[in-house]
Amino acid sequence: MRRCSTFVAIALAMLLSPLAATAQNSGGATEKKLMVAGERAALLNRIAHDLVGWKAKLNALDPGKGNPSYDVGKFIEAEKLVALGAVNSADASISRLRAKWTIYQELGLADSVDVISLFFAQLADAGVFNNESLSATREDAAEMGAVQIMLKNDGMERLRLLEASPCGENIKP
């Protein structure tokens, strides 16, 4: 029983993180439907495919292009490294989720996608992009945000069900 309460405490800490607030749809209510195995597999395949493109865009990003100020260039370079780290973390989470789906890994993947999404949104807001229109950069950020919300909603609902059950017997991914 102690092991169960420790897991629930850790999961609740993740639930109460600032990023948990982004797991709400535009209406403010969270989605209550859990993804089934086929939906989860399709979503992981989609994210894995998209990660390749996101990583290429990040690697191609030149902080000096467009003559930004020194401070803006340094900011872009630092945040680019954070976003690339999030891409690597997301890739590792996908591998683990394919082996065994856990709430922890699902929420970790959602947070990694959120970091990437926020960086692309910052680039769009700052008008910094390479050979890509501003609207395409915003679309990338919005698409990543939608994926993050799907993962976060599913993970939060699984956590809610875990909390309501005798240590999760009725939650089988």
N, C-alpha and C. Protein backbone atom coordinates (compact mmCIF):
# COMPACT_ATOMS: atom_id res chain seq x y z
N MET A 1 0.83 -1.20 0.00
CA MET A 1 0.00 0.00 0.00
C MET A 1 0.87 1.25 0.00
N ARG A 2 2.01 1.21 0.73
CA ARG A 2 2.89 2.37 0.78
C ARG A 2 3.41 2.70 -0.61
N ARG A 3 3.76 1.69 -1.38
CA ARG A 3 4.25 1.89 -2.74
C ARG A 3 3.20 2.60 -3.59
N CYS A 4 1.96 2.20 -3.44
CA CYS A 4 0.86 2.80 -4.19
C CYS A 4 0.71 4.27 -3.82
N SER A 5 0.74 4.59 -2.52
CA SER A 5 0.56 5.97 -2.11
C SER A 5 1.73 6.84 -2.54
N THR A 6 2.94 6.28 -2.59
CA THR A 6 4.10 7.03 -3.07
C THR A 6 3.93 7.37 -4.55
N PHE A 7 3.48 6.38 -5.34
CA PHE A 7 3.25 6.63 -6.76
C PHE A 7 2.19 7.70 -6.95
N VAL A 8 1.09 7.61 -6.21
CA VAL A 8 0.02 8.59 -6.34
C VAL A 8 0.52 9.96 -5.93
N ALA A 9 1.37 10.06 -4.90
CA ALA A 9 1.92 11.34 -4.48
C ALA A 9 2.80 11.95 -5.58
N ILE A 10 3.63 11.11 -6.21
CA ILE A 10 4.48 11.61 -7.30
C ILE A 10 3.61 12.05 -8.48
N ALA A 11 2.63 11.24 -8.80
CA ALA A 11 1.74 11.57 -9.92
C ALA A 11 0.98 12.85 -9.63
N LEU A 12 0.54 13.03 -8.40
CA LEU A 12 -0.17 14.27 -8.05
C LEU A 12 0.74 15.48 -8.15
N ALA A 13 2.01 15.31 -7.79
CA ALA A 13 2.96 16.42 -7.92
C ALA A 13 3.06 16.85 -9.38
N MET A 14 3.09 15.86 -10.29
CA MET A 14 3.13 16.18 -11.72
C MET A 14 1.82 16.85 -12.13
N LEU A 15 0.73 16.39 -11.57
CA LEU A 15 -0.58 16.95 -11.89
C LEU A 15 -0.64 18.42 -11.53
N LEU A 16 -0.02 18.76 -10.42
CA LEU A 16 -0.09 20.14 -9.94
C LEU A 16 0.98 21.04 -10.52
N SER A 17 1.80 20.50 -11.43
CA SER A 17 2.85 21.32 -12.03
C SER A 17 2.24 22.42 -12.89
N PRO A 18 2.97 23.49 -13.12
CA PRO A 18 2.46 24.58 -13.95
C PRO A 18 2.05 24.12 -15.35
N LEU A 19 2.74 23.10 -15.89
CA LEU A 19 2.40 22.64 -17.23
C LEU A 19 1.06 21.92 -17.27
N ALA A 20 0.58 21.45 -16.13
CA ALA A 20 -0.70 20.75 -16.10
C ALA A 20 -1.83 21.67 -16.53
N ALA A 21 -1.66 22.96 -16.32
CA ALA A 21 -2.70 23.90 -16.71
C ALA A 21 -2.89 23.92 -18.22
N THR A 22 -1.87 23.55 -18.98
CA THR A 22 -2.00 23.56 -20.43
C THR A 22 -2.75 22.36 -20.96
N ALA A 23 -3.08 21.43 -20.08
CA ALA A 23 -3.76 20.21 -20.51
C ALA A 23 -5.26 20.40 -20.61
N GLN A 24 -5.70 21.63 -20.61
CA GLN A 24 -7.12 21.89 -20.75
C GLN A 24 -7.39 22.37 -22.16
N ASN A 25 -8.55 21.99 -22.66
CA ASN A 25 -8.91 22.48 -24.00
C ASN A 25 -9.41 23.90 -23.88
N SER A 26 -9.78 24.50 -24.99
CA SER A 26 -10.15 25.91 -24.99
C SER A 26 -11.37 26.19 -24.12
N GLY A 27 -12.19 25.20 -23.87
CA GLY A 27 -13.36 25.40 -23.02
C GLY A 27 -13.04 25.33 -21.55
N GLY A 28 -11.81 24.92 -21.20
CA GLY A 28 -11.42 24.88 -19.81
C GLY A 28 -11.68 23.54 -19.14
N ALA A 29 -12.36 22.63 -19.80
CA ALA A 29 -12.64 21.31 -19.22
C ALA A 29 -11.72 20.29 -19.86
N THR A 30 -11.28 19.33 -19.07
CA THR A 30 -10.41 18.30 -19.63
C THR A 30 -11.25 17.22 -20.29
N GLU A 31 -10.65 16.62 -21.29
CA GLU A 31 -11.28 15.52 -22.01
C GLU A 31 -11.30 14.30 -21.10
N LYS A 32 -12.40 13.54 -21.10
CA LYS A 32 -12.52 12.40 -20.20
C LYS A 32 -12.31 11.07 -20.89
N LYS A 33 -12.11 11.05 -22.19
CA LYS A 33 -11.96 9.81 -22.93
C LYS A 33 -10.48 9.39 -22.95
N LEU A 34 -10.24 8.14 -22.55
CA LEU A 34 -8.89 7.60 -22.62
C LEU A 34 -8.59 7.14 -24.03
N MET A 35 -7.34 7.29 -24.44
CA MET A 35 -6.94 6.76 -25.74
C MET A 35 -6.85 5.25 -25.63
N VAL A 36 -7.28 4.57 -26.66
CA VAL A 36 -7.14 3.10 -26.71
C VAL A 36 -5.78 2.78 -27.33
N ALA A 37 -5.39 1.51 -27.27
CA ALA A 37 -4.05 1.11 -27.72
C ALA A 37 -3.75 1.55 -29.15
N GLY A 38 -4.69 1.40 -30.06
CA GLY A 38 -4.47 1.80 -31.45
C GLY A 38 -4.26 3.29 -31.59
N GLU A 39 -5.01 4.08 -30.83
CA GLU A 39 -4.85 5.54 -30.87
C GLU A 39 -3.49 5.95 -30.30
N ARG A 40 -3.09 5.29 -29.23
CA ARG A 40 -1.79 5.60 -28.63
C ARG A 40 -0.66 5.26 -29.60
N ALA A 41 -0.75 4.10 -30.24
CA ALA A 41 0.29 3.70 -31.20
C ALA A 41 0.35 4.68 -32.37
N ALA A 42 -0.81 5.08 -32.88
CA ALA A 42 -0.84 6.03 -34.00
C ALA A 42 -0.27 7.38 -33.58
N LEU A 43 -0.57 7.82 -32.37
CA LEU A 43 -0.05 9.09 -31.88
C LEU A 43 1.47 9.02 -31.71
N LEU A 44 1.97 7.92 -31.16
CA LEU A 44 3.42 7.78 -31.02
C LEU A 44 4.11 7.77 -32.38
N ASN A 45 3.52 7.08 -33.36
CA ASN A 45 4.08 7.07 -34.71
C ASN A 45 4.10 8.48 -35.30
N ARG A 46 3.02 9.22 -35.07
CA ARG A 46 2.93 10.59 -35.59
C ARG A 46 4.00 11.46 -34.93
N ILE A 47 4.14 11.37 -33.62
CA ILE A 47 5.13 12.19 -32.92
C ILE A 47 6.54 11.80 -33.36
N ALA A 48 6.81 10.50 -33.45
CA ALA A 48 8.15 10.05 -33.88
C ALA A 48 8.47 10.59 -35.27
N HIS A 49 7.49 10.56 -36.17
CA HIS A 49 7.68 11.10 -37.52
C HIS A 49 7.92 12.60 -37.47
N ASP A 50 7.10 13.31 -36.69
CA ASP A 50 7.24 14.76 -36.58
C ASP A 50 8.54 15.18 -35.92
N LEU A 51 9.04 14.36 -34.97
CA LEU A 51 10.30 14.70 -34.30
C LEU A 51 11.45 14.85 -35.28
N VAL A 52 11.44 14.02 -36.31
CA VAL A 52 12.51 14.09 -37.32
C VAL A 52 12.49 15.48 -37.98
N GLY A 53 11.32 15.95 -38.36
CA GLY A 53 11.20 17.27 -38.97
C GLY A 53 11.51 18.40 -38.01
N TRP A 54 11.03 18.27 -36.77
CA TRP A 54 11.28 19.31 -35.78
C TRP A 54 12.78 19.41 -35.49
N LYS A 55 13.44 18.26 -35.37
CA LYS A 55 14.88 18.27 -35.10
C LYS A 55 15.64 18.91 -36.26
N ALA A 56 15.23 18.59 -37.49
CA ALA A 56 15.88 19.19 -38.66
C ALA A 56 15.70 20.71 -38.66
N LYS A 57 14.48 21.17 -38.34
CA LYS A 57 14.23 22.62 -38.29
C LYS A 57 15.08 23.27 -37.21
N LEU A 58 15.18 22.62 -36.06
CA LEU A 58 15.97 23.19 -34.97
C LEU A 58 17.45 23.23 -35.34
N ASN A 59 17.96 22.15 -35.93
CA ASN A 59 19.37 22.12 -36.32
C ASN A 59 19.68 23.15 -37.40
N ALA A 60 18.71 23.43 -38.27
CA ALA A 60 18.92 24.40 -39.34
C ALA A 60 18.78 25.84 -38.87
N LEU A 61 18.27 26.02 -37.69
CA LEU A 61 18.03 27.37 -37.17
C LEU A 61 19.36 28.09 -36.95
N ASP A 62 19.51 29.23 -37.58
CA ASP A 62 20.71 30.04 -37.45
C ASP A 62 20.36 31.28 -36.63
N PRO A 63 20.82 31.36 -35.38
CA PRO A 63 20.46 32.48 -34.53
C PRO A 63 20.93 33.83 -35.07
N GLY A 64 21.94 33.83 -35.95
CA GLY A 64 22.45 35.08 -36.49
C GLY A 64 21.74 35.55 -37.75
N LYS A 65 20.90 34.68 -38.31
CA LYS A 65 20.23 35.04 -39.55
C LYS A 65 19.22 36.16 -39.29
N GLY A 66 19.21 37.13 -40.17
CA GLY A 66 18.30 38.25 -40.02
C GLY A 66 18.84 39.35 -39.14
N ASN A 67 20.12 39.23 -38.74
CA ASN A 67 20.78 40.24 -37.92
C ASN A 67 20.04 40.59 -36.64
N PRO A 68 19.70 39.60 -35.82
CA PRO A 68 19.08 39.94 -34.54
C PRO A 68 20.13 40.57 -33.62
N SER A 69 19.68 41.19 -32.55
CA SER A 69 20.64 41.73 -31.58
C SER A 69 21.41 40.57 -30.95
N TYR A 70 22.53 40.91 -30.34
CA TYR A 70 23.36 39.88 -29.69
C TYR A 70 22.54 39.12 -28.65
N ASP A 71 21.79 39.86 -27.84
CA ASP A 71 20.99 39.22 -26.78
C ASP A 71 19.94 38.28 -27.36
N VAL A 72 19.28 38.68 -28.43
CA VAL A 72 18.27 37.82 -29.06
C VAL A 72 18.94 36.58 -29.64
N GLY A 73 20.08 36.74 -30.28
CA GLY A 73 20.80 35.59 -30.84
C GLY A 73 21.23 34.61 -29.77
N LYS A 74 21.74 35.13 -28.64
CA LYS A 74 22.15 34.26 -27.54
C LYS A 74 20.94 33.55 -26.95
N PHE A 75 19.82 34.26 -26.83
CA PHE A 75 18.59 33.66 -26.31
C PHE A 75 18.14 32.52 -27.23
N ILE A 76 18.13 32.78 -28.52
CA ILE A 76 17.69 31.76 -29.48
C ILE A 76 18.60 30.54 -29.40
N GLU A 77 19.90 30.76 -29.33
CA GLU A 77 20.84 29.64 -29.26
C GLU A 77 20.63 28.81 -27.99
N ALA A 78 20.44 29.49 -26.87
CA ALA A 78 20.23 28.77 -25.60
C ALA A 78 18.93 27.98 -25.63
N GLU A 79 17.87 28.60 -26.10
CA GLU A 79 16.57 27.93 -26.15
C GLU A 79 16.55 26.82 -27.19
N LYS A 80 17.32 27.00 -28.25
CA LYS A 80 17.45 25.94 -29.27
C LYS A 80 18.03 24.69 -28.64
N LEU A 81 19.05 24.85 -27.80
CA LEU A 81 19.66 23.70 -27.12
C LEU A 81 18.67 23.02 -26.18
N VAL A 82 17.85 23.81 -25.50
CA VAL A 82 16.82 23.25 -24.63
C VAL A 82 15.81 22.46 -25.46
N ALA A 83 15.38 23.04 -26.58
CA ALA A 83 14.41 22.37 -27.45
C ALA A 83 14.99 21.08 -28.04
N LEU A 84 16.26 21.10 -28.44
CA LEU A 84 16.90 19.88 -28.95
C LEU A 84 16.98 18.81 -27.86
N GLY A 85 17.24 19.23 -26.62
CA GLY A 85 17.22 18.29 -25.50
C GLY A 85 15.84 17.69 -25.31
N ALA A 86 14.80 18.52 -25.50
CA ALA A 86 13.42 18.03 -25.39
C ALA A 86 13.10 17.05 -26.51
N VAL A 87 13.65 17.28 -27.70
CA VAL A 87 13.46 16.33 -28.81
C VAL A 87 14.08 14.98 -28.44
N ASN A 88 15.29 15.00 -27.89
CA ASN A 88 15.95 13.75 -27.48
C ASN A 88 15.18 13.06 -26.36
N SER A 89 14.67 13.85 -25.43
CA SER A 89 13.88 13.30 -24.33
C SER A 89 12.58 12.68 -24.85
N ALA A 90 11.94 13.37 -25.80
CA ALA A 90 10.71 12.85 -26.39
C ALA A 90 10.97 11.54 -27.12
N ASP A 91 12.08 11.48 -27.83
CA ASP A 91 12.43 10.25 -28.55
C ASP A 91 12.62 9.09 -27.57
N ALA A 92 13.30 9.35 -26.46
CA ALA A 92 13.50 8.31 -25.44
C ALA A 92 12.17 7.90 -24.82
N SER A 93 11.30 8.87 -24.57
CA SER A 93 9.98 8.57 -23.99
C SER A 93 9.17 7.71 -24.94
N ILE A 94 9.24 7.99 -26.22
CA ILE A 94 8.51 7.19 -27.21
C ILE A 94 8.98 5.75 -27.17
N SER A 95 10.29 5.55 -27.10
CA SER A 95 10.83 4.18 -27.03
C SER A 95 10.30 3.46 -25.79
N ARG A 96 10.30 4.14 -24.66
CA ARG A 96 9.82 3.52 -23.43
C ARG A 96 8.32 3.26 -23.49
N LEU A 97 7.56 4.20 -24.06
CA LEU A 97 6.11 4.02 -24.16
C LEU A 97 5.74 2.88 -25.10
N ARG A 98 6.53 2.67 -26.12
CA ARG A 98 6.27 1.54 -27.02
C ARG A 98 6.48 0.21 -26.31
N ALA A 99 7.42 0.19 -25.36
CA ALA A 99 7.67 -1.03 -24.59
C ALA A 99 6.61 -1.21 -23.51
N LYS A 100 6.28 -0.13 -22.79
CA LYS A 100 5.28 -0.19 -21.72
C LYS A 100 4.72 1.21 -21.51
N TRP A 101 3.41 1.33 -21.60
CA TRP A 101 2.76 2.63 -21.44
C TRP A 101 2.61 2.92 -19.95
N THR A 102 3.19 4.03 -19.51
CA THR A 102 3.03 4.46 -18.12
C THR A 102 2.59 5.91 -18.10
N ILE A 103 1.90 6.27 -17.05
CA ILE A 103 1.45 7.66 -16.89
C ILE A 103 2.67 8.58 -16.83
N TYR A 104 3.67 8.17 -16.10
CA TYR A 104 4.88 8.96 -15.94
C TYR A 104 5.51 9.29 -17.29
N GLN A 105 5.70 8.28 -18.13
CA GLN A 105 6.30 8.50 -19.45
C GLN A 105 5.38 9.31 -20.35
N GLU A 106 4.08 9.06 -20.26
CA GLU A 106 3.14 9.82 -21.09
C GLU A 106 3.18 11.30 -20.75
N LEU A 107 3.18 11.62 -19.46
CA LEU A 107 3.24 13.03 -19.06
C LEU A 107 4.62 13.62 -19.35
N GLY A 108 5.67 12.81 -19.26
CA GLY A 108 7.00 13.28 -19.64
C GLY A 108 7.08 13.62 -21.11
N LEU A 109 6.49 12.77 -21.95
CA LEU A 109 6.45 13.05 -23.39
C LEU A 109 5.65 14.32 -23.66
N ALA A 110 4.53 14.47 -22.96
CA ALA A 110 3.72 15.68 -23.13
C ALA A 110 4.53 16.93 -22.78
N ASP A 111 5.29 16.86 -21.69
CA ASP A 111 6.11 18.02 -21.29
C ASP A 111 7.21 18.31 -22.31
N SER A 112 7.83 17.26 -22.87
CA SER A 112 8.86 17.46 -23.89
C SER A 112 8.27 18.14 -25.13
N VAL A 113 7.12 17.66 -25.56
CA VAL A 113 6.46 18.26 -26.73
C VAL A 113 6.07 19.71 -26.41
N ASP A 114 5.68 19.97 -25.17
CA ASP A 114 5.32 21.33 -24.77
C ASP A 114 6.52 22.27 -24.87
N VAL A 115 7.69 21.81 -24.44
CA VAL A 115 8.91 22.64 -24.52
C VAL A 115 9.20 22.99 -25.98
N ILE A 116 9.10 22.00 -26.87
CA ILE A 116 9.35 22.23 -28.29
C ILE A 116 8.31 23.19 -28.85
N SER A 117 7.06 22.97 -28.50
CA SER A 117 5.97 23.82 -28.98
C SER A 117 6.16 25.27 -28.55
N LEU A 118 6.53 25.47 -27.29
CA LEU A 118 6.73 26.83 -26.79
C LEU A 118 7.88 27.53 -27.51
N PHE A 119 8.94 26.78 -27.82
CA PHE A 119 10.06 27.38 -28.53
C PHE A 119 9.64 27.81 -29.93
N PHE A 120 8.92 26.94 -30.64
CA PHE A 120 8.45 27.31 -31.98
C PHE A 120 7.51 28.52 -31.91
N ALA A 121 6.67 28.58 -30.88
CA ALA A 121 5.79 29.73 -30.72
C ALA A 121 6.60 31.00 -30.47
N GLN A 122 7.67 30.89 -29.65
CA GLN A 122 8.54 32.03 -29.40
C GLN A 122 9.20 32.49 -30.68
N LEU A 123 9.65 31.54 -31.50
CA LEU A 123 10.27 31.90 -32.77
C LEU A 123 9.29 32.64 -33.66
N ALA A 124 8.07 32.13 -33.70
CA ALA A 124 7.04 32.79 -34.53
C ALA A 124 6.76 34.19 -34.01
N ASP A 125 6.63 34.33 -32.70
CA ASP A 125 6.34 35.64 -32.11
C ASP A 125 7.48 36.63 -32.34
N ALA A 126 8.71 36.11 -32.35
CA ALA A 126 9.88 36.98 -32.55
C ALA A 126 10.15 37.22 -34.04
N GLY A 127 9.44 36.48 -34.90
CA GLY A 127 9.66 36.63 -36.34
C GLY A 127 10.95 35.99 -36.81
N VAL A 128 11.48 35.04 -36.05
CA VAL A 128 12.74 34.38 -36.39
C VAL A 128 12.43 33.00 -36.95
N PHE A 129 12.78 32.77 -38.19
CA PHE A 129 12.58 31.46 -38.82
C PHE A 129 13.47 31.40 -40.04
N ASN A 130 13.79 30.18 -40.48
CA ASN A 130 14.67 29.98 -41.63
C ASN A 130 13.86 29.46 -42.81
N ASN A 131 13.81 30.21 -43.87
CA ASN A 131 13.16 29.77 -45.11
C ASN A 131 11.76 29.22 -44.88
N GLU A 132 11.06 29.78 -43.97
CA GLU A 132 9.72 29.31 -43.66
C GLU A 132 8.87 30.52 -43.30
N SER A 133 7.65 30.51 -43.75
CA SER A 133 6.79 31.65 -43.47
C SER A 133 6.42 31.67 -41.99
N LEU A 134 6.06 32.83 -41.53
CA LEU A 134 5.64 33.01 -40.15
C LEU A 134 4.42 32.14 -39.84
N SER A 135 3.49 32.06 -40.78
CA SER A 135 2.28 31.27 -40.54
C SER A 135 2.62 29.78 -40.42
N ALA A 136 3.62 29.29 -41.18
CA ALA A 136 4.01 27.88 -41.08
C ALA A 136 4.63 27.59 -39.71
N THR A 137 5.42 28.51 -39.20
CA THR A 137 6.02 28.33 -37.88
C THR A 137 4.94 28.32 -36.81
N ARG A 138 3.96 29.21 -36.94
CA ARG A 138 2.85 29.22 -35.99
C ARG A 138 2.03 27.94 -36.08
N GLU A 139 1.82 27.43 -37.29
CA GLU A 139 1.08 26.18 -37.48
C GLU A 139 1.82 25.01 -36.82
N ASP A 140 3.15 24.98 -36.97
CA ASP A 140 3.95 23.94 -36.30
C ASP A 140 3.74 24.01 -34.78
N ALA A 141 3.82 25.21 -34.24
CA ALA A 141 3.66 25.38 -32.79
C ALA A 141 2.27 24.95 -32.35
N ALA A 142 1.25 25.31 -33.12
CA ALA A 142 -0.12 24.94 -32.77
C ALA A 142 -0.33 23.44 -32.85
N GLU A 143 0.25 22.81 -33.87
CA GLU A 143 0.13 21.36 -34.03
C GLU A 143 0.79 20.64 -32.86
N MET A 144 1.98 21.08 -32.48
CA MET A 144 2.67 20.47 -31.35
C MET A 144 1.88 20.68 -30.07
N GLY A 145 1.30 21.86 -29.92
CA GLY A 145 0.49 22.14 -28.74
C GLY A 145 -0.72 21.22 -28.66
N ALA A 146 -1.34 20.93 -29.81
CA ALA A 146 -2.50 20.03 -29.83
C ALA A 146 -2.10 18.61 -29.43
N VAL A 147 -0.93 18.16 -29.89
CA VAL A 147 -0.43 16.83 -29.53
C VAL A 147 -0.17 16.78 -28.02
N GLN A 148 0.44 17.83 -27.50
CA GLN A 148 0.75 17.89 -26.07
C GLN A 148 -0.54 17.83 -25.26
N ILE A 149 -1.57 18.53 -25.69
CA ILE A 149 -2.84 18.53 -24.97
C ILE A 149 -3.47 17.14 -24.98
N MET A 150 -3.41 16.44 -26.12
CA MET A 150 -3.97 15.08 -26.19
C MET A 150 -3.26 14.17 -25.19
N LEU A 151 -1.92 14.23 -25.16
CA LEU A 151 -1.17 13.40 -24.22
C LEU A 151 -1.47 13.77 -22.77
N LYS A 152 -1.48 15.05 -22.49
CA LYS A 152 -1.70 15.51 -21.12
C LYS A 152 -3.10 15.15 -20.64
N ASN A 153 -4.10 15.33 -21.51
CA ASN A 153 -5.47 14.98 -21.13
C ASN A 153 -5.59 13.50 -20.82
N ASP A 154 -5.00 12.66 -21.66
CA ASP A 154 -5.06 11.22 -21.44
C ASP A 154 -4.34 10.84 -20.14
N GLY A 155 -3.16 11.38 -19.94
CA GLY A 155 -2.41 11.09 -18.73
C GLY A 155 -3.12 11.55 -17.48
N MET A 156 -3.71 12.73 -17.53
CA MET A 156 -4.43 13.25 -16.37
C MET A 156 -5.67 12.42 -16.07
N GLU A 157 -6.35 11.97 -17.09
CA GLU A 157 -7.53 11.13 -16.87
C GLU A 157 -7.10 9.79 -16.28
N ARG A 158 -6.00 9.22 -16.77
CA ARG A 158 -5.49 7.97 -16.19
C ARG A 158 -5.12 8.19 -14.72
N LEU A 159 -4.53 9.31 -14.43
CA LEU A 159 -4.16 9.64 -13.05
C LEU A 159 -5.41 9.78 -12.18
N ARG A 160 -6.43 10.43 -12.70
CA ARG A 160 -7.69 10.58 -11.96
C ARG A 160 -8.29 9.21 -11.66
N LEU A 161 -8.29 8.33 -12.66
CA LEU A 161 -8.82 6.98 -12.46
C LEU A 161 -7.97 6.20 -11.45
N LEU A 162 -6.66 6.38 -11.51
CA LEU A 162 -5.78 5.71 -10.57
C LEU A 162 -6.07 6.17 -9.15
N GLU A 163 -6.23 7.45 -9.01
CA GLU A 163 -6.51 8.02 -7.70
C GLU A 163 -7.83 7.49 -7.13
N ALA A 164 -8.81 7.26 -7.99
CA ALA A 164 -10.13 6.80 -7.58
C ALA A 164 -10.21 5.28 -7.38
N SER A 165 -9.18 4.57 -7.79
CA SER A 165 -9.22 3.11 -7.72
C SER A 165 -8.37 2.60 -6.56
N PRO A 166 -8.56 1.31 -6.20
CA PRO A 166 -7.67 0.73 -5.19
C PRO A 166 -6.31 0.43 -5.81
N CYS A 167 -5.48 1.48 -5.96
CA CYS A 167 -4.12 1.40 -6.48
C CYS A 167 -4.04 1.01 -7.95
N GLY A 168 -5.05 1.36 -8.72
CA GLY A 168 -4.95 1.28 -10.17
C GLY A 168 -5.33 -0.01 -10.83
N GLU A 169 -6.01 -0.91 -10.15
CA GLU A 169 -6.36 -2.17 -10.80
C GLU A 169 -7.26 -1.97 -12.02
N ASN A 170 -8.05 -0.92 -12.07
CA ASN A 170 -8.96 -0.72 -13.20
C ASN A 170 -8.36 0.16 -14.29
N ILE A 171 -7.07 0.44 -14.24
CA ILE A 171 -6.43 1.22 -15.28
C ILE A 171 -5.41 0.35 -15.99
N LYS A 172 -5.77 -0.16 -17.09
CA LYS A 172 -4.86 -0.97 -17.89
C LYS A 172 -4.73 -0.31 -19.25
N PRO A 173 -3.51 0.15 -19.60
CA PRO A 173 -3.35 0.80 -20.91
C PRO A 173 -3.56 -0.15 -22.05
